Amino acid sequence: MPNNIDFSKKVKNIKEIEVNPKGWINPLTIEYGTSEKVYPIESYCWRIKGTAHAFLIPIVRMDFISGGDYVKHFEHVLEIFREDYTSWEEQRIEAPWANEYRRQYKSFIVI
């Protein structure tokens, strides 16, 4: 099931950044901020503006793997997520979690 996090209650210092991942209707606005209430260590929670599903990553890990290039990181993760999403569509998965992803992302992903 999508990881829906209430940004108004659990995320602070929210910033926005524009990204252009391949296979998506671009540009996308990413909202991201810090949270100590989701993971036991300070983490980034991020999502595409207009969706409720949040991706989570410890800040130290994100800084390490992104080298500080957050745009590149967000685009890379979304391109991989799109591959998964299109695979679920090709398999015609009808589980509640798949339907929730469809509802949230159908207007953002190019199939």
C-alpha atoms as a PDB file:
ATOM      1  CA  MET A   1       0.000   0.000   0.000  1.00  0.00           C
ATOM      2  CA  PRO A   2       1.290   3.502  -0.689  1.00  0.00           C
ATOM      3  CA  ASN A   3       3.034   5.150   2.216  1.00  0.00           C
ATOM      4  CA  ASN A   4       0.724   8.117   2.854  1.00  0.00           C
ATOM      5  CA  ILE A   5       2.206  10.631   5.276  1.00  0.00           C
ATOM      6  CA  ASP A   6       0.472  13.770   6.487  1.00  0.00           C
ATOM      7  CA  PHE A   7       3.046  16.436   5.605  1.00  0.00           C
ATOM      8  CA  SER A   8       1.234  19.042   7.710  1.00  0.00           C
ATOM      9  CA  LYS A   9       1.785  17.012  10.890  1.00  0.00           C
ATOM     10  CA  LYS A  10       4.874  14.861  10.394  1.00  0.00           C
ATOM     11  CA  VAL A  11       7.145  16.801   8.043  1.00  0.00           C
ATOM     12  CA  LYS A  12       8.925  20.091   8.721  1.00  0.00           C
ATOM     13  CA  ASN A  13      11.083  22.504   6.718  1.00  0.00           C
ATOM     14  CA  ILE A  14       9.220  21.603   3.512  1.00  0.00           C
ATOM     15  CA  LYS A  15      10.941  22.703   0.325  1.00  0.00           C
ATOM     16  CA  GLU A  16       9.982  22.361  -3.340  1.00  0.00           C
ATOM     17  CA  ILE A  17      12.157  21.439  -6.304  1.00  0.00           C
ATOM     18  CA  GLU A  18      11.324  20.845  -9.969  1.00  0.00           C
ATOM     19  CA  VAL A  19      12.398  17.624 -11.703  1.00  0.00           C
ATOM     20  CA  ASN A  20      11.992  16.154 -15.192  1.00  0.00           C
ATOM     21  CA  PRO A  21      12.206  12.350 -14.992  1.00  0.00           C
ATOM     22  CA  LYS A  22      11.898  10.352 -18.217  1.00  0.00           C
ATOM     23  CA  GLY A  23       8.457   8.845 -18.805  1.00  0.00           C
ATOM     24  CA  TRP A  24       6.616  11.362 -16.640  1.00  0.00           C
ATOM     25  CA  ILE A  25       4.535  14.406 -17.550  1.00  0.00           C
ATOM     26  CA  ASN A  26       7.061  17.121 -16.791  1.00  0.00           C
ATOM     27  CA  PRO A  27       7.967  19.182 -14.996  1.00  0.00           C
ATOM     28  CA  LEU A  28       7.038  17.651 -11.652  1.00  0.00           C
ATOM     29  CA  THR A  29       7.242  19.520  -8.378  1.00  0.00           C
ATOM     30  CA  ILE A  30       8.737  17.533  -5.524  1.00  0.00           C
ATOM     31  CA  GLU A  31       7.891  18.486  -1.959  1.00  0.00           C
ATOM     32  CA  TYR A  32      10.425  17.300   0.597  1.00  0.00           C
ATOM     33  CA  GLY A  33      11.190  17.947   4.208  1.00  0.00           C
ATOM     34  CA  THR A  34      12.585  16.402   7.344  1.00  0.00           C
ATOM     35  CA  SER A  35      10.877  14.034   9.712  1.00  0.00           C
ATOM     36  CA  GLU A  36      11.902  12.419  12.954  1.00  0.00           C
ATOM     37  CA  LYS A  37       8.473  10.901  13.534  1.00  0.00           C
ATOM     38  CA  VAL A  38       8.562   8.397  10.676  1.00  0.00           C
ATOM     39  CA  TYR A  39      11.989   6.783  11.080  1.00  0.00           C
ATOM     40  CA  PRO A  40      13.971   6.723  14.320  1.00  0.00           C
ATOM     41  CA  ILE A  41      16.667   8.835  12.601  1.00  0.00           C
ATOM     42  CA  GLU A  42      16.196  12.131  10.811  1.00  0.00           C
ATOM     43  CA  SER A  43      14.958  11.383   7.314  1.00  0.00           C
ATOM     44  CA  TYR A  44      13.636  13.097   4.238  1.00  0.00           C
ATOM     45  CA  CYS A  45      10.034  12.493   3.312  1.00  0.00           C
ATOM     46  CA  TRP A  46       9.294  13.440  -0.258  1.00  0.00           C
ATOM     47  CA  ARG A  47       6.456  13.197  -2.717  1.00  0.00           C
ATOM     48  CA  ILE A  48       5.182  14.556  -5.978  1.00  0.00           C
ATOM     49  CA  LYS A  49       3.072  17.594  -5.233  1.00  0.00           C
ATOM     50  CA  GLY A  50      -0.568  16.596  -5.625  1.00  0.00           C
ATOM     51  CA  THR A  51      -0.083  13.052  -4.329  1.00  0.00           C
ATOM     52  CA  ALA A  52      -0.220  11.609  -0.818  1.00  0.00           C
ATOM     53  CA  HIS A  53       2.331   8.789  -1.238  1.00  0.00           C
ATOM     54  CA  ALA A  54       5.679   9.668   0.322  1.00  0.00           C
ATOM     55  CA  PHE A  55       9.084   8.179  -0.280  1.00  0.00           C
ATOM     56  CA  LEU A  56      11.359   8.002   2.762  1.00  0.00           C
ATOM     57  CA  ILE A  57      15.132   8.073   3.000  1.00  0.00           C
ATOM     58  CA  PRO A  58      17.502   8.846   5.889  1.00  0.00           C
ATOM     59  CA  ILE A  59      19.180  12.200   5.208  1.00  0.00           C
ATOM     60  CA  VAL A  60      22.682  10.766   5.633  1.00  0.00           C
ATOM     61  CA  ARG A  61      21.973   8.089   3.042  1.00  0.00           C
ATOM     62  CA  MET A  62      20.465  10.535   0.567  1.00  0.00           C
ATOM     63  CA  ASP A  63      23.422  12.884   0.878  1.00  0.00           C
ATOM     64  CA  PHE A  64      25.813   9.963   0.379  1.00  0.00           C
ATOM     65  CA  ILE A  65      24.147   8.411  -2.686  1.00  0.00           C
ATOM     66  CA  SER A  66      23.123  11.708  -4.325  1.00  0.00           C
ATOM     67  CA  GLY A  67      26.363  13.573  -3.756  1.00  0.00           C
ATOM     68  CA  GLY A  68      24.112  16.534  -2.953  1.00  0.00           C
ATOM     69  CA  ASP A  69      22.387  16.474  -6.365  1.00  0.00           C
ATOM     70  CA  TYR A  70      18.819  16.045  -5.159  1.00  0.00           C
ATOM     71  CA  VAL A  71      17.285  16.668  -8.593  1.00  0.00           C
ATOM     72  CA  LYS A  72      19.258  13.759 -10.041  1.00  0.00           C
ATOM     73  CA  HIS A  73      18.290  11.541  -7.087  1.00  0.00           C
ATOM     74  CA  PHE A  74      14.560  12.303  -7.338  1.00  0.00           C
ATOM     75  CA  GLU A  75      14.578  11.784 -11.109  1.00  0.00           C
ATOM     76  CA  HIS A  76      16.423   8.469 -10.804  1.00  0.00           C
ATOM     77  CA  VAL A  77      14.043   7.114  -8.141  1.00  0.00           C
ATOM     78  CA  LEU A  78      10.978   8.204 -10.122  1.00  0.00           C
ATOM     79  CA  GLU A  79      12.279   6.575 -13.307  1.00  0.00           C
ATOM     80  CA  ILE A  80      12.714   3.282 -11.435  1.00  0.00           C
ATOM     81  CA  PHE A  81       9.300   3.682  -9.792  1.00  0.00           C
ATOM     82  CA  ARG A  82       7.750   4.233 -13.247  1.00  0.00           C
ATOM     83  CA  GLU A  83       9.242   0.935 -14.452  1.00  0.00           C
ATOM     84  CA  ASP A  84       7.625  -0.837 -11.495  1.00  0.00           C
ATOM     85  CA  TYR A  85       4.325   0.964 -12.052  1.00  0.00           C
ATOM     86  CA  THR A  86       4.161   0.078 -15.758  1.00  0.00           C
ATOM     87  CA  SER A  87       5.014  -3.535 -14.884  1.00  0.00           C
ATOM     88  CA  TRP A  88       2.027  -3.648 -12.515  1.00  0.00           C
ATOM     89  CA  GLU A  89      -0.153  -2.206 -15.271  1.00  0.00           C
ATOM     90  CA  GLU A  90       1.080  -4.792 -17.806  1.00  0.00           C
ATOM     91  CA  GLN A  91       0.342  -7.564 -15.296  1.00  0.00           C
ATOM     92  CA  ARG A  92      -3.097  -6.027 -14.667  1.00  0.00           C
ATOM     93  CA  ILE A  93      -2.716  -6.279 -10.919  1.00  0.00           C
ATOM     94  CA  GLU A  94      -6.021  -5.461  -9.238  1.00  0.00           C
ATOM     95  CA  ALA A  95      -4.936  -5.433  -5.591  1.00  0.00           C
ATOM     96  CA  PRO A  96      -6.052  -2.519  -3.376  1.00  0.00           C
ATOM     97  CA  TRP A  97      -2.489  -1.157  -3.207  1.00  0.00           C
ATOM     98  CA  ALA A  98      -2.178  -1.161  -7.029  1.00  0.00           C
ATOM     99  CA  ASN A  99      -5.491   0.652  -7.370  1.00  0.00           C
ATOM    100  CA  GLU A 100      -4.312   3.271  -4.878  1.00  0.00           C
ATOM    101  CA  TYR A 101      -1.114   3.844  -6.896  1.00  0.00           C
ATOM    102  CA  ARG A 102      -3.196   4.154 -10.074  1.00  0.00           C
ATOM    103  CA  ARG A 103      -5.430   6.729  -8.445  1.00  0.00           C
ATOM    104  CA  GLN A 104      -2.472   8.812  -7.315  1.00  0.00           C
ATOM    105  CA  TYR A 105      -0.201   8.552 -10.357  1.00  0.00           C
ATOM    106  CA  LYS A 106      -2.333   8.050 -13.491  1.00  0.00           C
ATOM    107  CA  SER A 107      -2.170  11.739 -14.405  1.00  0.00           C
ATOM    108  CA  PHE A 108       1.609  11.916 -13.904  1.00  0.00           C
ATOM    109  CA  ILE A 109       3.029   8.829 -15.654  1.00  0.00           C
ATOM    110  CA  VAL A 110       3.229   8.341 -19.414  1.00  0.00           C
ATOM    111  CA  ILE A 111       2.292   4.749 -20.340  1.00  0.00           C
END
